[in-house]
Amino acid sequence: MVENPRGAGYVVVGVSPTSGSPAALRWAADEARRRGARLRAISVWQPSRQSAVTGVRPPLVTTPTLEERQAAAAVHLTNTVHEQLGLDADVECHALIGSVEEVLLSAAADASLLVLGRVREDPAGVRAGRKIYRLMARCPCPVVVVPNA
């Protein structure tokens, strides 16, 4: 990734494909402005797994291709950023395929800060917390978790 010409690096914010992480996105934008840093919004998605059934006719409705889903994820992320920060917001938007932890760690490799929205927890309240803890433990930069507003 390219270093910011002003030398302040990047603030990376994880943007949930479902919630849009509005509080985290706004907080990260304010922090990037204070630091004179660029803002990089990352949305992570995974392709659905199609079950392979033999001997069955193909469905009448076609499912979107991987490329179409990637394009839709990118448009959704850009729209979310514009809804929260305005149309003139200067934000790098990247909708990427993979595991949330690995994609965000890679995106934060040259960042000065990683900002996450607090995720909704599963009924047991453990799984999401463990994922955030693992991400924080492996992240090469400071991590801020912003509560949902």
N, C-alpha and C. Protein backbone atom coordinates (compact mmCIF):
# COMPACT_ATOMS: atom_id res chain seq x y z
N MET A 1 0.84 -1.18 0.00
CA MET A 1 0.00 0.00 0.00
C MET A 1 0.89 1.25 0.00
N VAL A 2 0.40 2.31 -0.55
CA VAL A 2 1.17 3.53 -0.73
C VAL A 2 1.04 4.42 0.50
N GLU A 3 2.16 4.97 0.94
CA GLU A 3 2.17 5.87 2.09
C GLU A 3 1.51 7.19 1.74
N ASN A 4 0.81 7.77 2.67
CA ASN A 4 0.18 9.07 2.50
C ASN A 4 1.26 10.11 2.29
N PRO A 5 1.14 10.96 1.27
CA PRO A 5 2.18 11.96 1.02
C PRO A 5 2.41 12.90 2.19
N ARG A 6 1.38 13.13 3.01
CA ARG A 6 1.56 14.02 4.16
C ARG A 6 2.28 13.31 5.31
N GLY A 7 2.52 12.01 5.17
CA GLY A 7 3.31 11.29 6.15
C GLY A 7 2.57 10.80 7.37
N ALA A 8 1.26 11.00 7.43
CA ALA A 8 0.51 10.60 8.62
C ALA A 8 -0.06 9.20 8.51
N GLY A 9 0.15 8.53 7.40
CA GLY A 9 -0.32 7.17 7.26
C GLY A 9 -1.82 7.07 7.04
N TYR A 10 -2.36 5.95 7.48
CA TYR A 10 -3.76 5.64 7.26
C TYR A 10 -4.47 5.35 8.56
N VAL A 11 -5.74 5.68 8.58
CA VAL A 11 -6.66 5.16 9.59
C VAL A 11 -7.54 4.20 8.82
N VAL A 12 -7.58 2.95 9.26
CA VAL A 12 -8.39 1.92 8.61
C VAL A 12 -9.62 1.68 9.47
N VAL A 13 -10.78 1.63 8.81
CA VAL A 13 -12.02 1.35 9.54
C VAL A 13 -12.69 0.15 8.89
N GLY A 14 -13.07 -0.80 9.74
CA GLY A 14 -13.84 -1.95 9.27
C GLY A 14 -15.30 -1.55 9.19
N VAL A 15 -15.90 -1.75 8.02
CA VAL A 15 -17.30 -1.39 7.81
C VAL A 15 -18.09 -2.67 7.58
N SER A 16 -19.03 -2.94 8.46
CA SER A 16 -19.82 -4.16 8.36
C SER A 16 -20.75 -4.09 7.15
N PRO A 17 -20.80 -5.17 6.36
CA PRO A 17 -21.71 -5.19 5.22
C PRO A 17 -23.18 -5.12 5.65
N THR A 18 -23.48 -5.52 6.88
CA THR A 18 -24.87 -5.52 7.33
C THR A 18 -25.26 -4.23 8.06
N SER A 19 -24.45 -3.82 9.04
CA SER A 19 -24.83 -2.64 9.83
C SER A 19 -24.27 -1.35 9.26
N GLY A 20 -23.20 -1.44 8.48
CA GLY A 20 -22.55 -0.24 7.98
C GLY A 20 -21.63 0.41 8.99
N SER A 21 -21.67 -0.05 10.24
CA SER A 21 -20.80 0.47 11.30
C SER A 21 -20.78 2.00 11.32
N PRO A 22 -21.95 2.66 11.39
CA PRO A 22 -21.98 4.12 11.26
C PRO A 22 -21.16 4.86 12.32
N ALA A 23 -21.23 4.45 13.57
CA ALA A 23 -20.48 5.16 14.62
C ALA A 23 -18.98 5.01 14.40
N ALA A 24 -18.53 3.81 14.05
CA ALA A 24 -17.10 3.58 13.81
C ALA A 24 -16.62 4.37 12.60
N LEU A 25 -17.43 4.41 11.57
CA LEU A 25 -17.06 5.14 10.35
C LEU A 25 -16.93 6.63 10.61
N ARG A 26 -17.88 7.20 11.32
CA ARG A 26 -17.81 8.64 11.63
C ARG A 26 -16.64 8.93 12.57
N TRP A 27 -16.42 8.09 13.57
CA TRP A 27 -15.32 8.30 14.52
C TRP A 27 -13.98 8.22 13.79
N ALA A 28 -13.84 7.22 12.91
CA ALA A 28 -12.59 7.04 12.16
C ALA A 28 -12.33 8.23 11.24
N ALA A 29 -13.38 8.75 10.62
CA ALA A 29 -13.22 9.92 9.73
C ALA A 29 -12.75 11.13 10.53
N ASP A 30 -13.33 11.35 11.70
CA ASP A 30 -12.89 12.47 12.56
C ASP A 30 -11.44 12.29 12.99
N GLU A 31 -11.09 11.07 13.37
CA GLU A 31 -9.72 10.80 13.83
C GLU A 31 -8.72 10.97 12.70
N ALA A 32 -9.06 10.50 11.50
CA ALA A 32 -8.17 10.66 10.35
C ALA A 32 -7.96 12.15 10.06
N ARG A 33 -9.03 12.93 10.17
CA ARG A 33 -8.91 14.38 9.95
C ARG A 33 -7.97 15.00 10.98
N ARG A 34 -8.13 14.63 12.25
CA ARG A 34 -7.26 15.17 13.32
C ARG A 34 -5.80 14.82 13.08
N ARG A 35 -5.55 13.62 12.58
CA ARG A 35 -4.19 13.16 12.37
C ARG A 35 -3.59 13.63 11.04
N GLY A 36 -4.42 14.15 10.17
CA GLY A 36 -3.95 14.48 8.82
C GLY A 36 -3.66 13.21 8.04
N ALA A 37 -4.40 12.15 8.33
CA ALA A 37 -4.19 10.85 7.70
C ALA A 37 -5.28 10.58 6.67
N ARG A 38 -5.01 9.62 5.82
CA ARG A 38 -6.02 9.16 4.86
C ARG A 38 -6.92 8.15 5.56
N LEU A 39 -8.16 8.07 5.12
CA LEU A 39 -9.10 7.10 5.67
C LEU A 39 -9.31 5.99 4.66
N ARG A 40 -9.19 4.75 5.14
CA ARG A 40 -9.40 3.58 4.29
C ARG A 40 -10.53 2.76 4.92
N ALA A 41 -11.64 2.64 4.20
CA ALA A 41 -12.79 1.85 4.67
C ALA A 41 -12.73 0.46 4.03
N ILE A 42 -12.82 -0.55 4.89
CA ILE A 42 -12.72 -1.94 4.44
C ILE A 42 -13.99 -2.67 4.80
N SER A 43 -14.59 -3.30 3.81
CA SER A 43 -15.74 -4.18 4.04
C SER A 43 -15.33 -5.57 3.59
N VAL A 44 -15.60 -6.55 4.43
CA VAL A 44 -15.18 -7.92 4.13
C VAL A 44 -16.43 -8.77 3.91
N TRP A 45 -16.39 -9.55 2.86
CA TRP A 45 -17.51 -10.46 2.59
C TRP A 45 -16.98 -11.80 2.12
N GLN A 46 -17.84 -12.79 2.23
CA GLN A 46 -17.47 -14.14 1.80
C GLN A 46 -18.51 -14.64 0.82
N PRO A 47 -18.06 -15.26 -0.25
CA PRO A 47 -19.02 -15.81 -1.20
C PRO A 47 -19.81 -16.95 -0.54
N SER A 48 -21.09 -17.02 -0.86
CA SER A 48 -21.89 -18.11 -0.30
C SER A 48 -21.47 -19.41 -0.94
N ARG A 49 -21.60 -20.44 -0.18
CA ARG A 49 -21.22 -21.76 -0.70
C ARG A 49 -22.44 -22.39 -1.34
N GLN A 50 -22.30 -22.74 -2.60
CA GLN A 50 -23.38 -23.40 -3.33
C GLN A 50 -23.26 -24.90 -3.09
N SER A 51 -24.37 -25.51 -2.72
CA SER A 51 -24.33 -26.95 -2.54
C SER A 51 -24.38 -27.62 -3.90
N ALA A 52 -23.57 -28.62 -4.06
CA ALA A 52 -23.52 -29.35 -5.32
C ALA A 52 -24.48 -30.52 -5.25
N VAL A 53 -25.52 -30.47 -6.04
CA VAL A 53 -26.49 -31.56 -6.08
C VAL A 53 -26.49 -32.10 -7.50
N THR A 54 -26.23 -33.38 -7.60
CA THR A 54 -26.18 -33.98 -8.94
C THR A 54 -27.55 -34.51 -9.32
N GLY A 55 -27.80 -34.54 -10.61
CA GLY A 55 -29.04 -35.11 -11.10
C GLY A 55 -30.24 -34.20 -10.97
N VAL A 56 -30.02 -32.94 -10.65
CA VAL A 56 -31.12 -32.00 -10.48
C VAL A 56 -30.99 -30.94 -11.56
N ARG A 57 -32.13 -30.54 -12.11
CA ARG A 57 -32.09 -29.48 -13.11
C ARG A 57 -31.61 -28.18 -12.49
N PRO A 58 -30.90 -27.35 -13.27
CA PRO A 58 -30.45 -26.06 -12.75
C PRO A 58 -31.66 -25.18 -12.41
N PRO A 59 -31.50 -24.28 -11.45
CA PRO A 59 -32.62 -23.42 -11.08
C PRO A 59 -32.98 -22.48 -12.22
N LEU A 60 -34.25 -22.05 -12.23
CA LEU A 60 -34.71 -21.13 -13.26
C LEU A 60 -34.14 -19.73 -13.05
N VAL A 61 -33.85 -19.41 -11.82
CA VAL A 61 -33.28 -18.09 -11.50
C VAL A 61 -31.77 -18.26 -11.37
N THR A 62 -31.03 -17.44 -12.07
CA THR A 62 -29.58 -17.54 -11.98
C THR A 62 -29.08 -16.70 -10.80
N THR A 63 -28.04 -17.18 -10.19
CA THR A 63 -27.44 -16.44 -9.09
C THR A 63 -26.36 -15.53 -9.64
N PRO A 64 -26.10 -14.42 -8.97
CA PRO A 64 -25.06 -13.50 -9.46
C PRO A 64 -23.69 -14.17 -9.46
N THR A 65 -22.87 -13.80 -10.41
CA THR A 65 -21.51 -14.31 -10.47
C THR A 65 -20.69 -13.69 -9.35
N LEU A 66 -19.52 -14.24 -9.12
CA LEU A 66 -18.61 -13.71 -8.11
C LEU A 66 -18.25 -12.26 -8.43
N GLU A 67 -18.02 -11.98 -9.71
CA GLU A 67 -17.68 -10.61 -10.12
C GLU A 67 -18.83 -9.65 -9.87
N GLU A 68 -20.06 -10.10 -10.14
CA GLU A 68 -21.24 -9.26 -9.88
C GLU A 68 -21.41 -9.00 -8.39
N ARG A 69 -21.18 -10.03 -7.59
CA ARG A 69 -21.29 -9.85 -6.13
C ARG A 69 -20.20 -8.93 -5.61
N GLN A 70 -18.99 -9.03 -6.17
CA GLN A 70 -17.89 -8.15 -5.77
C GLN A 70 -18.24 -6.71 -6.10
N ALA A 71 -18.76 -6.48 -7.30
CA ALA A 71 -19.15 -5.13 -7.71
C ALA A 71 -20.26 -4.59 -6.81
N ALA A 72 -21.23 -5.42 -6.48
CA ALA A 72 -22.32 -5.00 -5.60
C ALA A 72 -21.80 -4.65 -4.21
N ALA A 73 -20.85 -5.44 -3.70
CA ALA A 73 -20.27 -5.16 -2.39
C ALA A 73 -19.52 -3.83 -2.40
N ALA A 74 -18.80 -3.55 -3.48
CA ALA A 74 -18.07 -2.29 -3.60
C ALA A 74 -19.03 -1.10 -3.66
N VAL A 75 -20.11 -1.23 -4.42
CA VAL A 75 -21.10 -0.16 -4.51
C VAL A 75 -21.78 0.06 -3.16
N HIS A 76 -22.10 -1.04 -2.48
CA HIS A 76 -22.74 -0.94 -1.16
C HIS A 76 -21.83 -0.21 -0.17
N LEU A 77 -20.55 -0.55 -0.17
CA LEU A 77 -19.59 0.12 0.73
C LEU A 77 -19.49 1.60 0.40
N THR A 78 -19.35 1.94 -0.87
CA THR A 78 -19.25 3.35 -1.27
C THR A 78 -20.50 4.11 -0.88
N ASN A 79 -21.67 3.51 -1.09
CA ASN A 79 -22.92 4.17 -0.70
C ASN A 79 -23.00 4.37 0.81
N THR A 80 -22.57 3.38 1.58
CA THR A 80 -22.57 3.49 3.04
C THR A 80 -21.67 4.63 3.48
N VAL A 81 -20.47 4.71 2.90
CA VAL A 81 -19.53 5.78 3.25
C VAL A 81 -20.14 7.14 2.91
N HIS A 82 -20.73 7.26 1.74
CA HIS A 82 -21.34 8.55 1.34
C HIS A 82 -22.53 8.91 2.22
N GLU A 83 -23.34 7.93 2.63
CA GLU A 83 -24.47 8.19 3.52
C GLU A 83 -23.99 8.73 4.86
N GLN A 84 -22.91 8.20 5.38
CA GLN A 84 -22.43 8.58 6.70
C GLN A 84 -21.53 9.81 6.69
N LEU A 85 -20.73 9.98 5.63
CA LEU A 85 -19.72 11.03 5.62
C LEU A 85 -19.95 12.11 4.57
N GLY A 86 -20.91 11.90 3.69
CA GLY A 86 -21.18 12.88 2.64
C GLY A 86 -20.53 12.48 1.33
N LEU A 87 -21.06 13.06 0.26
CA LEU A 87 -20.58 12.70 -1.08
C LEU A 87 -19.16 13.18 -1.36
N ASP A 88 -18.72 14.20 -0.62
CA ASP A 88 -17.38 14.74 -0.89
C ASP A 88 -16.30 14.10 -0.01
N ALA A 89 -16.66 13.06 0.74
CA ALA A 89 -15.69 12.41 1.62
C ALA A 89 -14.57 11.77 0.80
N ASP A 90 -13.33 12.02 1.21
CA ASP A 90 -12.16 11.47 0.54
C ASP A 90 -11.76 10.19 1.28
N VAL A 91 -12.31 9.08 0.85
CA VAL A 91 -12.10 7.80 1.53
C VAL A 91 -11.77 6.74 0.48
N GLU A 92 -10.73 5.95 0.76
CA GLU A 92 -10.44 4.78 -0.07
C GLU A 92 -11.41 3.69 0.38
N CYS A 93 -12.17 3.14 -0.53
CA CYS A 93 -13.12 2.08 -0.21
C CYS A 93 -12.68 0.78 -0.85
N HIS A 94 -12.60 -0.27 -0.03
CA HIS A 94 -12.19 -1.59 -0.52
C HIS A 94 -13.14 -2.65 0.02
N ALA A 95 -13.88 -3.30 -0.86
CA ALA A 95 -14.71 -4.45 -0.48
C ALA A 95 -13.92 -5.69 -0.87
N LEU A 96 -13.55 -6.47 0.13
CA LEU A 96 -12.62 -7.57 -0.09
C LEU A 96 -13.21 -8.90 0.35
N ILE A 97 -12.82 -9.95 -0.32
CA ILE A 97 -13.27 -11.30 0.00
C ILE A 97 -12.26 -11.93 0.96
N GLY A 98 -12.76 -12.62 1.98
CA GLY A 98 -11.87 -13.35 2.87
C GLY A 98 -12.40 -13.40 4.28
N SER A 99 -11.53 -13.84 5.18
CA SER A 99 -11.91 -13.86 6.59
C SER A 99 -11.72 -12.44 7.13
N VAL A 100 -12.63 -12.03 7.98
CA VAL A 100 -12.58 -10.68 8.52
C VAL A 100 -11.24 -10.41 9.19
N GLU A 101 -10.80 -11.34 10.00
CA GLU A 101 -9.55 -11.15 10.74
C GLU A 101 -8.36 -10.97 9.80
N GLU A 102 -8.21 -11.85 8.84
CA GLU A 102 -7.04 -11.79 7.94
C GLU A 102 -7.08 -10.56 7.04
N VAL A 103 -8.25 -10.22 6.52
CA VAL A 103 -8.35 -9.06 5.63
C VAL A 103 -8.04 -7.77 6.40
N LEU A 104 -8.61 -7.64 7.60
CA LEU A 104 -8.35 -6.41 8.37
C LEU A 104 -6.90 -6.33 8.83
N LEU A 105 -6.30 -7.45 9.18
CA LEU A 105 -4.88 -7.44 9.55
C LEU A 105 -4.01 -7.00 8.38
N SER A 106 -4.33 -7.48 7.21
CA SER A 106 -3.58 -7.08 6.02
C SER A 106 -3.77 -5.60 5.72
N ALA A 107 -5.00 -5.13 5.83
CA ALA A 107 -5.30 -3.71 5.56
C ALA A 107 -4.63 -2.80 6.57
N ALA A 108 -4.44 -3.29 7.79
CA ALA A 108 -3.86 -2.47 8.86
C ALA A 108 -2.33 -2.56 8.89
N ALA A 109 -1.73 -3.30 7.98
CA ALA A 109 -0.28 -3.49 8.00
C ALA A 109 0.49 -2.18 7.94
N ASP A 110 -0.01 -1.19 7.21
CA ASP A 110 0.68 0.11 7.11
C ASP A 110 -0.14 1.23 7.74
N ALA A 111 -1.08 0.86 8.60
CA ALA A 111 -1.97 1.85 9.21
C ALA A 111 -1.41 2.37 10.53
N SER A 112 -1.85 3.56 10.89
CA SER A 112 -1.49 4.09 12.20
C SER A 112 -2.57 3.75 13.23
N LEU A 113 -3.76 3.31 12.74
CA LEU A 113 -4.87 2.99 13.64
C LEU A 113 -5.88 2.14 12.90
N LEU A 114 -6.46 1.16 13.61
CA LEU A 114 -7.56 0.36 13.09
C LEU A 114 -8.78 0.64 13.96
N VAL A 115 -9.89 0.99 13.32
CA VAL A 115 -11.12 1.31 14.05
C VAL A 115 -12.18 0.27 13.69
N LEU A 116 -12.81 -0.28 14.72
CA LEU A 116 -13.86 -1.29 14.53
C LEU A 116 -15.12 -0.85 15.26
N GLY A 117 -16.24 -1.22 14.72
CA GLY A 117 -17.49 -1.05 15.44
C GLY A 117 -17.70 -2.26 16.31
N ARG A 118 -18.31 -2.04 17.46
CA ARG A 118 -18.59 -3.19 18.32
C ARG A 118 -19.62 -4.06 17.62
N VAL A 119 -19.32 -5.34 17.48
CA VAL A 119 -20.20 -6.25 16.76
C VAL A 119 -21.31 -6.74 17.67
N ARG A 120 -22.42 -7.09 17.03
CA ARG A 120 -23.49 -7.74 17.79
C ARG A 120 -22.99 -9.11 18.19
N GLU A 121 -23.19 -9.44 19.42
CA GLU A 121 -22.68 -10.72 19.90
C GLU A 121 -23.69 -11.82 19.67
N ASP A 122 -23.18 -13.02 19.59
CA ASP A 122 -24.06 -14.17 19.46
C ASP A 122 -24.75 -14.40 20.80
N PRO A 123 -25.78 -15.23 20.85
CA PRO A 123 -26.53 -15.41 22.10
C PRO A 123 -25.67 -15.79 23.29
N ALA A 124 -24.61 -16.55 23.07
CA ALA A 124 -23.73 -16.91 24.18
C ALA A 124 -22.81 -15.76 24.55
N GLY A 125 -22.68 -14.78 23.66
CA GLY A 125 -21.87 -13.60 23.94
C GLY A 125 -20.38 -13.82 23.91
N VAL A 126 -19.93 -14.90 23.29
CA VAL A 126 -18.52 -15.22 23.34
C VAL A 126 -17.81 -15.11 21.99
N ARG A 127 -18.41 -15.66 20.95
CA ARG A 127 -17.72 -15.79 19.67
C ARG A 127 -17.21 -14.46 19.13
N ALA A 128 -18.06 -13.44 19.09
CA ALA A 128 -17.65 -12.15 18.54
C ALA A 128 -16.53 -11.53 19.38
N GLY A 129 -16.64 -11.64 20.69
CA GLY A 129 -15.60 -11.10 21.57
C GLY A 129 -14.26 -11.76 21.34
N ARG A 130 -14.26 -13.05 21.12
CA ARG A 130 -13.01 -13.77 20.85
C ARG A 130 -12.39 -13.31 19.54
N LYS A 131 -13.22 -13.10 18.53
CA LYS A 131 -12.69 -12.66 17.23
C LYS A 131 -12.03 -11.29 17.36
N ILE A 132 -12.69 -10.37 18.06
CA ILE A 132 -12.11 -9.03 18.24
C ILE A 132 -10.83 -9.13 19.05
N TYR A 133 -10.82 -9.94 20.10
CA TYR A 133 -9.62 -10.08 20.92
C TYR A 133 -8.46 -10.62 20.09
N ARG A 134 -8.71 -11.65 19.26
CA ARG A 134 -7.64 -12.21 18.41
C ARG A 134 -7.12 -11.16 17.44
N LEU A 135 -8.04 -10.39 16.87
CA LEU A 135 -7.65 -9.33 15.94
C LEU A 135 -6.78 -8.30 16.65
N MET A 136 -7.19 -7.88 17.84
CA MET A 136 -6.43 -6.89 18.60
C MET A 136 -5.05 -7.43 18.97
N ALA A 137 -4.98 -8.69 19.33
CA ALA A 137 -3.71 -9.28 19.75
C ALA A 137 -2.71 -9.38 18.59
N ARG A 138 -3.20 -9.52 17.37
CA ARG A 138 -2.32 -9.69 16.21
C ARG A 138 -2.10 -8.42 15.42
N CYS A 139 -2.86 -7.38 15.69
CA CYS A 139 -2.81 -6.17 14.86
C CYS A 139 -1.50 -5.42 15.07
N PRO A 140 -0.87 -4.94 13.98
CA PRO A 140 0.40 -4.24 14.09
C PRO A 140 0.25 -2.78 14.54
N CYS A 141 -0.97 -2.30 14.70
CA CYS A 141 -1.18 -0.91 15.12
C CYS A 141 -2.24 -0.88 16.22
N PRO A 142 -2.41 0.25 16.88
CA PRO A 142 -3.46 0.35 17.89
C PRO A 142 -4.85 0.09 17.29
N VAL A 143 -5.74 -0.45 18.11
CA VAL A 143 -7.10 -0.77 17.69
C VAL A 143 -8.07 -0.04 18.61
N VAL A 144 -9.06 0.62 18.01
CA VAL A 144 -10.13 1.29 18.77
C VAL A 144 -11.43 0.58 18.42
N VAL A 145 -12.20 0.21 19.45
CA VAL A 145 -13.52 -0.38 19.24
C VAL A 145 -14.54 0.65 19.68
N VAL A 146 -15.36 1.09 18.73
CA VAL A 146 -16.34 2.15 18.97
C VAL A 146 -17.69 1.52 19.25
N PRO A 147 -18.34 1.91 20.36
CA PRO A 147 -19.68 1.36 20.63
C PRO A 147 -20.68 1.86 19.59
N ASN A 148 -21.68 1.03 19.34
CA ASN A 148 -22.74 1.43 18.41
C ASN A 148 -23.54 2.58 19.01
N ALA A 149 -23.90 3.51 18.15
CA ALA A 149 -24.66 4.67 18.64
C ALA A 149 -26.14 4.42 18.55
